[in-house]
Full PDB file with SEQRES, HELIX, SHEET, SSBOND, CRYST1, ORIGX, SCALE, CONECT and MASTER records, all heavy atoms in Angstrom:
SEQRES   1 A   39  ILE VAL ILE ALA VAL ALA ILE LEU ALA SER ALA VAL ASN          
SEQRES   2 A   39  ILE LEU ARG GLU TYR GLU ARG GLY VAL VAL PHE THR LEU          
SEQRES   3 A   39  GLY ARG PHE THR GLY VAL LYS GLY PRO GLY LEU ILE LEU          
HELIX    1 AA1 VAL A    2  ALA A   11  1                                  10    
SHEET    1 AA1 2 ASN A  13  LEU A  15  0                                        
SHEET    2 AA1 2 GLY A  36  ILE A  38 -1                                        
SHEET    1 AA2 2 GLY A  21  THR A  25  0                                        
SHEET    2 AA2 2 ARG A  28  LYS A  33 -1                                        
CRYST1    1.000    1.000    1.000  90.00  90.00  90.00 P 1           1          
ORIGX1      1.000000  0.000000  0.000000        0.00000                         
ORIGX2      0.000000  1.000000  0.000000        0.00000                         
ORIGX3      0.000000  0.000000  1.000000        0.00000                         
SCALE1      1.000000  0.000000  0.000000        0.00000                         
SCALE2      0.000000  1.000000  0.000000        0.00000                         
SCALE3      0.000000  0.000000  1.000000        0.00000                         
ATOM      1  N   ILE A   1      19.955  20.738  22.566  1.00  0.00           N  
ATOM      2  CA  ILE A   1      20.393  19.552  23.307  1.00  0.00           C  
ATOM      3  C   ILE A   1      20.342  19.806  24.818  1.00  0.00           C  
ATOM      4  O   ILE A   1      19.905  18.954  25.590  1.00  0.00           O  
ATOM      5  CB  ILE A   1      21.819  19.151  22.859  1.00  0.00           C  
ATOM      6  CG1 ILE A   1      21.806  18.655  21.412  1.00  0.00           C  
ATOM      7  CG2 ILE A   1      22.388  18.076  23.788  1.00  0.00           C  
ATOM      8  CD1 ILE A   1      23.183  18.394  20.852  1.00  0.00           C  
ATOM      9  N   VAL A   2      20.791  20.995  25.195  1.00  0.00           N  
ATOM     10  CA  VAL A   2      20.776  21.322  26.631  1.00  0.00           C  
ATOM     11  C   VAL A   2      19.342  21.328  27.162  1.00  0.00           C  
ATOM     12  O   VAL A   2      19.052  20.797  28.247  1.00  0.00           O  
ATOM     13  CB  VAL A   2      21.465  22.677  26.867  1.00  0.00           C  
ATOM     14  CG1 VAL A   2      21.246  23.130  28.320  1.00  0.00           C  
ATOM     15  CG2 VAL A   2      22.948  22.590  26.568  1.00  0.00           C  
ATOM     16  N   ILE A   3      18.426  21.924  26.389  1.00  0.00           N  
ATOM     17  CA  ILE A   3      17.024  21.954  26.816  1.00  0.00           C  
ATOM     18  C   ILE A   3      16.448  20.544  26.890  1.00  0.00           C  
ATOM     19  O   ILE A   3      15.723  20.196  27.836  1.00  0.00           O  
ATOM     20  CB  ILE A   3      16.204  22.828  25.854  1.00  0.00           C  
ATOM     21  CG1 ILE A   3      16.653  24.299  25.965  1.00  0.00           C  
ATOM     22  CG2 ILE A   3      14.713  22.708  26.167  1.00  0.00           C  
ATOM     23  CD1 ILE A   3      15.974  25.203  24.956  1.00  0.00           C  
ATOM     24  N   ALA A   4      16.790  19.710  25.902  1.00  0.00           N  
ATOM     25  CA  ALA A   4      16.286  18.334  25.894  1.00  0.00           C  
ATOM     26  C   ALA A   4      16.813  17.546  27.087  1.00  0.00           C  
ATOM     27  O   ALA A   4      16.080  16.781  27.737  1.00  0.00           O  
ATOM     28  CB  ALA A   4      16.668  17.648  24.589  1.00  0.00           C  
ATOM     29  N   VAL A   5      18.107  17.752  27.398  1.00  0.00           N  
ATOM     30  CA  VAL A   5      18.698  17.061  28.553  1.00  0.00           C  
ATOM     31  C   VAL A   5      18.041  17.534  29.844  1.00  0.00           C  
ATOM     32  O   VAL A   5      17.761  16.730  30.746  1.00  0.00           O  
ATOM     33  CB  VAL A   5      20.223  17.288  28.578  1.00  0.00           C  
ATOM     34  CG1 VAL A   5      20.807  16.771  29.885  1.00  0.00           C  
ATOM     35  CG2 VAL A   5      20.887  16.600  27.404  1.00  0.00           C  
ATOM     36  N   ALA A   6      17.778  18.830  29.967  1.00  0.00           N  
ATOM     37  CA  ALA A   6      17.141  19.351  31.178  1.00  0.00           C  
ATOM     38  C   ALA A   6      15.733  18.796  31.339  1.00  0.00           C  
ATOM     39  O   ALA A   6      15.313  18.430  32.447  1.00  0.00           O  
ATOM     40  CB  ALA A   6      17.111  20.884  31.121  1.00  0.00           C  
ATOM     41  N   ILE A   7      15.007  18.728  30.197  1.00  0.00           N  
ATOM     42  CA  ILE A   7      13.646  18.184  30.265  1.00  0.00           C  
ATOM     43  C   ILE A   7      13.686  16.709  30.637  1.00  0.00           C  
ATOM     44  O   ILE A   7      12.896  16.233  31.462  1.00  0.00           O  
ATOM     45  CB  ILE A   7      12.933  18.396  28.923  1.00  0.00           C  
ATOM     46  CG1 ILE A   7      12.685  19.891  28.677  1.00  0.00           C  
ATOM     47  CG2 ILE A   7      11.608  17.639  28.903  1.00  0.00           C  
ATOM     48  CD1 ILE A   7      12.092  20.199  27.322  1.00  0.00           C  
ATOM     49  N   LEU A   8      14.636  15.975  30.042  1.00  0.00           N  
ATOM     50  CA  LEU A   8      14.740  14.542  30.350  1.00  0.00           C  
ATOM     51  C   LEU A   8      15.141  14.333  31.803  1.00  0.00           C  
ATOM     52  O   LEU A   8      14.631  13.437  32.480  1.00  0.00           O  
ATOM     53  CB  LEU A   8      15.756  13.893  29.410  1.00  0.00           C  
ATOM     54  CG  LEU A   8      15.966  12.384  29.589  1.00  0.00           C  
ATOM     55  CD1 LEU A   8      14.664  11.638  29.338  1.00  0.00           C  
ATOM     56  CD2 LEU A   8      17.066  11.882  28.660  1.00  0.00           C  
ATOM     57  N   ALA A   9      16.046  15.183  32.314  1.00  0.00           N  
ATOM     58  CA  ALA A   9      16.489  15.044  33.700  1.00  0.00           C  
ATOM     59  C   ALA A   9      15.343  15.318  34.676  1.00  0.00           C  
ATOM     60  O   ALA A   9      15.216  14.644  35.706  1.00  0.00           O  
ATOM     61  CB  ALA A   9      17.657  15.992  33.969  1.00  0.00           C  
ATOM     62  N   SER A  10      14.518  16.316  34.342  1.00  0.00           N  
ATOM     63  CA  SER A  10      13.384  16.606  35.215  1.00  0.00           C  
ATOM     64  C   SER A  10      12.295  15.555  35.114  1.00  0.00           C  
ATOM     65  O   SER A  10      11.463  15.431  36.010  1.00  0.00           O  
ATOM     66  CB  SER A  10      12.807  17.985  34.876  1.00  0.00           C  
ATOM     67  OG  SER A  10      12.310  17.993  33.539  1.00  0.00           O  
ATOM     68  N   ALA A  11      12.291  14.792  34.021  1.00  0.00           N  
ATOM     69  CA  ALA A  11      11.267  13.762  33.847  1.00  0.00           C  
ATOM     70  C   ALA A  11      11.619  12.466  34.568  1.00  0.00           C  
ATOM     71  O   ALA A  11      10.747  11.650  34.855  1.00  0.00           O  
ATOM     72  CB  ALA A  11      11.041  13.482  32.372  1.00  0.00           C  
ATOM     73  N   VAL A  12      12.909  12.292  34.846  1.00  0.00           N  
ATOM     74  CA  VAL A  12      13.365  11.055  35.491  1.00  0.00           C  
ATOM     75  C   VAL A  12      13.357  11.238  37.002  1.00  0.00           C  
ATOM     76  O   VAL A  12      13.939  12.197  37.530  1.00  0.00           O  
ATOM     77  CB  VAL A  12      14.769  10.671  35.004  1.00  0.00           C  
ATOM     78  CG1 VAL A  12      15.274   9.448  35.761  1.00  0.00           C  
ATOM     79  CG2 VAL A  12      14.760  10.407  33.511  1.00  0.00           C  
ATOM     80  N   ASN A  13      12.700  10.322  37.698  1.00  0.00           N  
ATOM     81  CA  ASN A  13      12.644  10.325  39.163  1.00  0.00           C  
ATOM     82  C   ASN A  13      12.893   8.917  39.674  1.00  0.00           C  
ATOM     83  O   ASN A  13      12.399   7.934  39.087  1.00  0.00           O  
ATOM     84  CB  ASN A  13      11.284  10.807  39.671  1.00  0.00           C  
ATOM     85  CG  ASN A  13      11.004  12.255  39.311  1.00  0.00           C  
ATOM     86  OD1 ASN A  13      11.332  13.166  40.053  1.00  0.00           O  
ATOM     87  ND2 ASN A  13      10.397  12.472  38.147  1.00  0.00           N  
ATOM     88  N   ILE A  14      13.650   8.828  40.740  1.00  0.00           N  
ATOM     89  CA  ILE A  14      13.962   7.533  41.350  1.00  0.00           C  
ATOM     90  C   ILE A  14      13.416   7.539  42.775  1.00  0.00           C  
ATOM     91  O   ILE A  14      13.767   8.413  43.577  1.00  0.00           O  
ATOM     92  CB  ILE A  14      15.475   7.265  41.351  1.00  0.00           C  
ATOM     93  CG1 ILE A  14      16.006   7.206  39.915  1.00  0.00           C  
ATOM     94  CG2 ILE A  14      15.780   5.965  42.086  1.00  0.00           C  
ATOM     95  CD1 ILE A  14      17.504   7.024  39.827  1.00  0.00           C  
ATOM     96  N   LEU A  15      12.557   6.584  43.062  1.00  0.00           N  
ATOM     97  CA  LEU A  15      11.957   6.455  44.392  1.00  0.00           C  
ATOM     98  C   LEU A  15      12.587   5.276  45.122  1.00  0.00           C  
ATOM     99  O   LEU A  15      12.757   4.193  44.549  1.00  0.00           O  
ATOM    100  CB  LEU A  15      10.440   6.256  44.279  1.00  0.00           C  
ATOM    101  CG  LEU A  15       9.650   7.394  43.629  1.00  0.00           C  
ATOM    102  CD1 LEU A  15       8.172   7.028  43.569  1.00  0.00           C  
ATOM    103  CD2 LEU A  15       9.839   8.687  44.374  1.00  0.00           C  
ATOM    104  N   ARG A  16      12.894   5.494  46.402  1.00  0.00           N  
ATOM    105  CA  ARG A  16      13.460   4.414  47.220  1.00  0.00           C  
ATOM    106  C   ARG A  16      12.372   3.398  47.573  1.00  0.00           C  
ATOM    107  O   ARG A  16      11.196   3.625  47.354  1.00  0.00           O  
ATOM    108  CB  ARG A  16      14.081   5.004  48.491  1.00  0.00           C  
ATOM    109  CG  ARG A  16      15.242   5.940  48.218  1.00  0.00           C  
ATOM    110  CD  ARG A  16      15.799   6.494  49.523  1.00  0.00           C  
ATOM    111  NE  ARG A  16      16.935   7.375  49.314  1.00  0.00           N  
ATOM    112  CZ  ARG A  16      16.838   8.681  49.093  1.00  0.00           C  
ATOM    113  NH1 ARG A  16      15.630   9.264  49.073  1.00  0.00           N  
ATOM    114  NH2 ARG A  16      17.923   9.418  48.898  1.00  0.00           N  
ATOM    115  N   GLU A  17      12.823   2.304  48.174  1.00  0.00           N  
ATOM    116  CA  GLU A  17      11.899   1.214  48.483  1.00  0.00           C  
ATOM    117  C   GLU A  17      10.781   1.658  49.419  1.00  0.00           C  
ATOM    118  O   GLU A  17       9.643   1.172  49.329  1.00  0.00           O  
ATOM    119  CB  GLU A  17      12.671   0.054  49.125  1.00  0.00           C  
ATOM    120  CG  GLU A  17      11.833  -1.173  49.449  1.00  0.00           C  
ATOM    121  CD  GLU A  17      11.269  -1.839  48.199  1.00  0.00           C  
ATOM    122  OE1 GLU A  17      11.929  -1.786  47.149  1.00  0.00           O  
ATOM    123  OE2 GLU A  17      10.163  -2.405  48.283  1.00  0.00           O  
ATOM    124  N   TYR A  18      11.071   2.569  50.337  1.00  0.00           N  
ATOM    125  CA  TYR A  18      10.077   3.014  51.316  1.00  0.00           C  
ATOM    126  C   TYR A  18       9.318   4.256  50.855  1.00  0.00           C  
ATOM    127  O   TYR A  18       8.586   4.842  51.650  1.00  0.00           O  
ATOM    128  CB  TYR A  18      10.751   3.291  52.663  1.00  0.00           C  
ATOM    129  CG  TYR A  18      11.899   4.275  52.591  1.00  0.00           C  
ATOM    130  CD1 TYR A  18      11.676   5.646  52.595  1.00  0.00           C  
ATOM    131  CD2 TYR A  18      13.211   3.815  52.511  1.00  0.00           C  
ATOM    132  CE1 TYR A  18      12.719   6.549  52.527  1.00  0.00           C  
ATOM    133  CE2 TYR A  18      14.258   4.710  52.441  1.00  0.00           C  
ATOM    134  CZ  TYR A  18      14.014   6.066  52.456  1.00  0.00           C  
ATOM    135  OH  TYR A  18      15.056   6.960  52.383  1.00  0.00           O  
ATOM    136  N   GLU A  19       9.487   4.674  49.605  1.00  0.00           N  
ATOM    137  CA  GLU A  19       8.819   5.864  49.098  1.00  0.00           C  
ATOM    138  C   GLU A  19       7.806   5.509  48.015  1.00  0.00           C  
ATOM    139  O   GLU A  19       7.974   4.520  47.284  1.00  0.00           O  
ATOM    140  CB  GLU A  19       9.837   6.858  48.515  1.00  0.00           C  
ATOM    141  CG  GLU A  19      10.739   7.495  49.534  1.00  0.00           C  
ATOM    142  CD  GLU A  19      11.711   8.465  48.891  1.00  0.00           C  
ATOM    143  OE1 GLU A  19      12.154   8.211  47.748  1.00  0.00           O  
ATOM    144  OE2 GLU A  19      12.044   9.478  49.533  1.00  0.00           O  
ATOM    145  N   ARG A  20       6.762   6.327  47.945  1.00  0.00           N  
ATOM    146  CA  ARG A  20       5.780   6.222  46.866  1.00  0.00           C  
ATOM    147  C   ARG A  20       5.548   7.629  46.319  1.00  0.00           C  
ATOM    148  O   ARG A  20       5.685   8.618  47.040  1.00  0.00           O  
ATOM    149  CB  ARG A  20       4.462   5.622  47.354  1.00  0.00           C  
ATOM    150  CG  ARG A  20       4.561   4.205  47.870  1.00  0.00           C  
ATOM    151  CD  ARG A  20       4.944   3.221  46.781  1.00  0.00           C  
ATOM    152  NE  ARG A  20       4.965   1.854  47.297  1.00  0.00           N  
ATOM    153  CZ  ARG A  20       6.025   1.282  47.840  1.00  0.00           C  
ATOM    154  NH1 ARG A  20       7.164   1.965  47.954  1.00  0.00           N  
ATOM    155  NH2 ARG A  20       5.963   0.037  48.278  1.00  0.00           N  
ATOM    156  N   GLY A  21       5.188   7.681  45.037  1.00  0.00           N  
ATOM    157  CA  GLY A  21       4.937   8.967  44.398  1.00  0.00           C  
ATOM    158  C   GLY A  21       3.475   9.117  44.014  1.00  0.00           C  
ATOM    159  O   GLY A  21       2.929   8.284  43.283  1.00  0.00           O  
ATOM    160  N   VAL A  22       2.832  10.156  44.499  1.00  0.00           N  
ATOM    161  CA  VAL A  22       1.448  10.468  44.138  1.00  0.00           C  
ATOM    162  C   VAL A  22       1.503  11.393  42.926  1.00  0.00           C  
ATOM    163  O   VAL A  22       1.996  12.527  43.022  1.00  0.00           O  
ATOM    164  CB  VAL A  22       0.701  11.125  45.308  1.00  0.00           C  
ATOM    165  CG1 VAL A  22      -0.742  11.414  44.919  1.00  0.00           C  
ATOM    166  CG2 VAL A  22       0.755  10.232  46.552  1.00  0.00           C  
ATOM    167  N   VAL A  23       1.022  10.913  41.773  1.00  0.00           N  
ATOM    168  CA  VAL A  23       1.179  11.618  40.500  1.00  0.00           C  
ATOM    169  C   VAL A  23      -0.108  12.358  40.149  1.00  0.00           C  
ATOM    170  O   VAL A  23      -1.214  11.802  40.244  1.00  0.00           O  
ATOM    171  CB  VAL A  23       1.552  10.629  39.373  1.00  0.00           C  
ATOM    172  CG1 VAL A  23       1.702  11.369  38.047  1.00  0.00           C  
ATOM    173  CG2 VAL A  23       2.840   9.896  39.725  1.00  0.00           C  
ATOM    174  N   PHE A  24       0.056  13.630  39.746  1.00  0.00           N  
ATOM    175  CA  PHE A  24      -1.045  14.460  39.271  1.00  0.00           C  
ATOM    176  C   PHE A  24      -0.753  14.866  37.830  1.00  0.00           C  
ATOM    177  O   PHE A  24       0.343  15.349  37.535  1.00  0.00           O  
ATOM    178  CB  PHE A  24      -1.217  15.705  40.147  1.00  0.00           C  
ATOM    179  CG  PHE A  24      -1.590  15.411  41.562  1.00  0.00           C  
ATOM    180  CD1 PHE A  24      -0.618  15.200  42.528  1.00  0.00           C  
ATOM    181  CD2 PHE A  24      -2.926  15.350  41.924  1.00  0.00           C  
ATOM    182  CE1 PHE A  24      -0.971  14.924  43.825  1.00  0.00           C  
ATOM    183  CE2 PHE A  24      -3.287  15.073  43.231  1.00  0.00           C  
ATOM    184  CZ  PHE A  24      -2.306  14.860  44.188  1.00  0.00           C  
ATOM    185  N   THR A  25      -1.734  14.654  36.951  1.00  0.00           N  
ATOM    186  CA  THR A  25      -1.612  15.063  35.555  1.00  0.00           C  
ATOM    187  C   THR A  25      -2.575  16.201  35.295  1.00  0.00           C  
ATOM    188  O   THR A  25      -3.793  16.036  35.409  1.00  0.00           O  
ATOM    189  CB  THR A  25      -1.919  13.887  34.616  1.00  0.00           C  
ATOM    190  OG1 THR A  25      -1.032  12.799  34.922  1.00  0.00           O  
ATOM    191  CG2 THR A  25      -1.741  14.295  33.157  1.00  0.00           C  
ATOM    192  N   LEU A  26      -1.988  17.369  34.982  1.00  0.00           N  
ATOM    193  CA  LEU A  26      -2.772  18.579  34.799  1.00  0.00           C  
ATOM    194  C   LEU A  26      -3.690  18.838  35.998  1.00  0.00           C  
ATOM    195  O   LEU A  26      -4.839  19.248  35.866  1.00  0.00           O  
ATOM    196  CB  LEU A  26      -3.601  18.505  33.508  1.00  0.00           C  
ATOM    197  CG  LEU A  26      -2.788  18.425  32.204  1.00  0.00           C  
ATOM    198  CD1 LEU A  26      -3.714  18.275  31.007  1.00  0.00           C  
ATOM    199  CD2 LEU A  26      -1.896  19.644  32.043  1.00  0.00           C  
ATOM    200  N   GLY A  27      -3.139  18.557  37.178  1.00  0.00           N  
ATOM    201  CA  GLY A  27      -3.850  18.831  38.413  1.00  0.00           C  
ATOM    202  C   GLY A  27      -4.771  17.729  38.887  1.00  0.00           C  
ATOM    203  O   GLY A  27      -5.307  17.820  40.000  1.00  0.00           O  
ATOM    204  N   ARG A  28      -4.947  16.693  38.096  1.00  0.00           N  
ATOM    205  CA  ARG A  28      -5.840  15.607  38.495  1.00  0.00           C  
ATOM    206  C   ARG A  28      -5.028  14.389  38.921  1.00  0.00           C  
ATOM    207  O   ARG A  28      -4.002  14.063  38.308  1.00  0.00           O  
ATOM    208  CB  ARG A  28      -6.780  15.221  37.340  1.00  0.00           C  
ATOM    209  CG  ARG A  28      -7.724  16.334  36.908  1.00  0.00           C  
ATOM    210  CD  ARG A  28      -8.670  15.856  35.819  1.00  0.00           C  
ATOM    211  NE  ARG A  28      -9.539  14.783  36.308  1.00  0.00           N  
ATOM    212  CZ  ARG A  28     -10.685  14.989  36.945  1.00  0.00           C  
ATOM    213  NH1 ARG A  28     -11.112  16.232  37.171  1.00  0.00           N  
ATOM    214  NH2 ARG A  28     -11.421  13.979  37.354  1.00  0.00           N  
ATOM    215  N   PHE A  29      -5.528  13.720  39.968  1.00  0.00           N  
ATOM    216  CA  PHE A  29      -4.839  12.535  40.473  1.00  0.00           C  
ATOM    217  C   PHE A  29      -4.919  11.407  39.456  1.00  0.00           C  
ATOM    218  O   PHE A  29      -5.997  11.045  38.988  1.00  0.00           O  
ATOM    219  CB  PHE A  29      -5.475  12.095  41.796  1.00  0.00           C  
ATOM    220  CG  PHE A  29      -4.996  10.764  42.296  1.00  0.00           C  
ATOM    221  CD1 PHE A  29      -3.713  10.606  42.771  1.00  0.00           C  
ATOM    222  CD2 PHE A  29      -5.841   9.657  42.277  1.00  0.00           C  
ATOM    223  CE1 PHE A  29      -3.270   9.376  43.224  1.00  0.00           C  
ATOM    224  CE2 PHE A  29      -5.414   8.429  42.744  1.00  0.00           C  
ATOM    225  CZ  PHE A  29      -4.128   8.287  43.221  1.00  0.00           C  
ATOM    226  N   THR A  30      -3.759  10.858  39.108  1.00  0.00           N  
ATOM    227  CA  THR A  30      -3.712   9.791  38.094  1.00  0.00           C  
ATOM    228  C   THR A  30      -3.087   8.502  38.608  1.00  0.00           C  
ATOM    229  O   THR A  30      -2.975   7.548  37.845  1.00  0.00           O  
ATOM    230  CB  THR A  30      -2.942  10.265  36.855  1.00  0.00           C  
ATOM    231  OG1 THR A  30      -1.636  10.735  37.249  1.00  0.00           O  
ATOM    232  CG2 THR A  30      -3.702  11.363  36.141  1.00  0.00           C  
ATOM    233  N   GLY A  31      -2.670   8.447  39.869  1.00  0.00           N  
ATOM    234  CA  GLY A  31      -2.172   7.181  40.388  1.00  0.00           C  
ATOM    235  C   GLY A  31      -1.003   7.338  41.331  1.00  0.00           C  
ATOM    236  O   GLY A  31      -0.467   8.436  41.523  1.00  0.00           O  
ATOM    237  N   VAL A  32      -0.633   6.193  41.921  1.00  0.00           N  
ATOM    238  CA  VAL A  32       0.508   6.121  42.838  1.00  0.00           C  
ATOM    239  C   VAL A  32       1.568   5.248  42.187  1.00  0.00           C  
ATOM    240  O   VAL A  32       1.285   4.131  41.744  1.00  0.00           O  
ATOM    241  CB  VAL A  32       0.095   5.550  44.204  1.00  0.00           C  
ATOM    242  CG1 VAL A  32       1.295   5.435  45.126  1.00  0.00           C  
ATOM    243  CG2 VAL A  32      -0.977   6.418  44.843  1.00  0.00           C  
ATOM    244  N   LYS A  33       2.803   5.734  42.120  1.00  0.00           N  
ATOM    245  CA  LYS A  33       3.884   5.000  41.460  1.00  0.00           C  
ATOM    246  C   LYS A  33       5.033   4.773  42.422  1.00  0.00           C  
ATOM    247  O   LYS A  33       5.195   5.483  43.414  1.00  0.00           O  
ATOM    248  CB  LYS A  33       4.370   5.770  40.225  1.00  0.00           C  
ATOM    249  CG  LYS A  33       3.315   5.964  39.145  1.00  0.00           C  
ATOM    250  CD  LYS A  33       3.887   6.665  37.936  1.00  0.00           C  
ATOM    251  CE  LYS A  33       2.835   6.861  36.852  1.00  0.00           C  
ATOM    252  NZ  LYS A  33       2.347   5.583  36.306  1.00  0.00           N  
ATOM    253  N   GLY A  34       5.852   3.776  42.079  1.00  0.00           N  
ATOM    254  CA  GLY A  34       7.052   3.484  42.847  1.00  0.00           C  
ATOM    255  C   GLY A  34       6.959   2.147  43.558  1.00  0.00           C  
ATOM    256  O   GLY A  34       5.901   1.517  43.590  1.00  0.00           O  
ATOM    257  N   PRO A  35       8.107   1.718  44.076  1.00  0.00           N  
ATOM    258  CA  PRO A  35       9.431   2.363  44.024  1.00  0.00           C  
ATOM    259  C   PRO A  35      10.158   2.068  42.718  1.00  0.00           C  
ATOM    260  O   PRO A  35       9.669   1.302  41.892  1.00  0.00           O  
ATOM    261  CB  PRO A  35      10.143   1.720  45.212  1.00  0.00           C  
ATOM    262  CG  PRO A  35       9.556   0.336  45.282  1.00  0.00           C  
ATOM    263  CD  PRO A  35       8.113   0.480  44.883  1.00  0.00           C  
ATOM    264  N   GLY A  36      11.338   2.690  42.546  1.00  0.00           N  
ATOM    265  CA  GLY A  36      12.126   2.481  41.342  1.00  0.00           C  
ATOM    266  C   GLY A  36      12.170   3.715  40.460  1.00  0.00           C  
ATOM    267  O   GLY A  36      12.034   4.850  40.925  1.00  0.00           O  
ATOM    268  N   LEU A  37      12.359   3.482  39.148  1.00  0.00           N  
ATOM    269  CA  LEU A  37      12.483   4.564  38.170  1.00  0.00           C  
ATOM    270  C   LEU A  37      11.096   5.010  37.708  1.00  0.00           C  
ATOM    271  O   LEU A  37      10.296   4.201  37.247  1.00  0.00           O  
ATOM    272  CB  LEU A  37      13.302   4.084  36.964  1.00  0.00           C  
ATOM    273  CG  LEU A  37      13.498   5.086  35.827  1.00  0.00           C  
ATOM    274  CD1 LEU A  37      14.291   6.286  36.309  1.00  0.00           C  
ATOM    275  CD2 LEU A  37      14.181   4.415  34.643  1.00  0.00           C  
ATOM    276  N   ILE A  38      10.852   6.307  37.787  1.00  0.00           N  
ATOM    277  CA  ILE A  38       9.565   6.885  37.403  1.00  0.00           C  
ATOM    278  C   ILE A  38       9.824   7.964  36.347  1.00  0.00           C  
ATOM    279  O   ILE A  38      10.661   8.856  36.548  1.00  0.00           O  
ATOM    280  CB  ILE A  38       8.827   7.502  38.609  1.00  0.00           C  
ATOM    281  CG1 ILE A  38       8.713   6.484  39.743  1.00  0.00           C  
ATOM    282  CG2 ILE A  38       7.456   7.998  38.202  1.00  0.00           C  
ATOM    283  CD1 ILE A  38       7.928   5.251  39.392  1.00  0.00           C  
ATOM    284  N   LEU A  39       9.111   7.905  35.232  1.00  0.00           N  
ATOM    285  CA  LEU A  39       9.220   8.905  34.173  1.00  0.00           C  
ATOM    286  C   LEU A  39       7.950   9.744  34.148  1.00  0.00           C  
ATOM    287  O   LEU A  39       6.840   9.197  34.095  1.00  0.00           O  
ATOM    288  CB  LEU A  39       9.435   8.233  32.816  1.00  0.00           C  
ATOM    289  CG  LEU A  39      10.733   7.427  32.655  1.00  0.00           C  
ATOM    290  CD1 LEU A  39      10.781   6.750  31.290  1.00  0.00           C  
ATOM    291  CD2 LEU A  39      11.952   8.325  32.843  1.00  0.00           C  
TER     292      LEU A  39                                                      
MASTER        0    0    0    1    4    0    0    6  291    1    0    3          
END                                                                             
């Protein structure tokens, strides 16, 4: 349970209105996300 909670906590990201997230999947660019809740 502790490991699952830690993984879930690291998977959840919250971006402010003036922020954007540049996402890389296995090192490759996969898109820009935000603002709001990002998994």
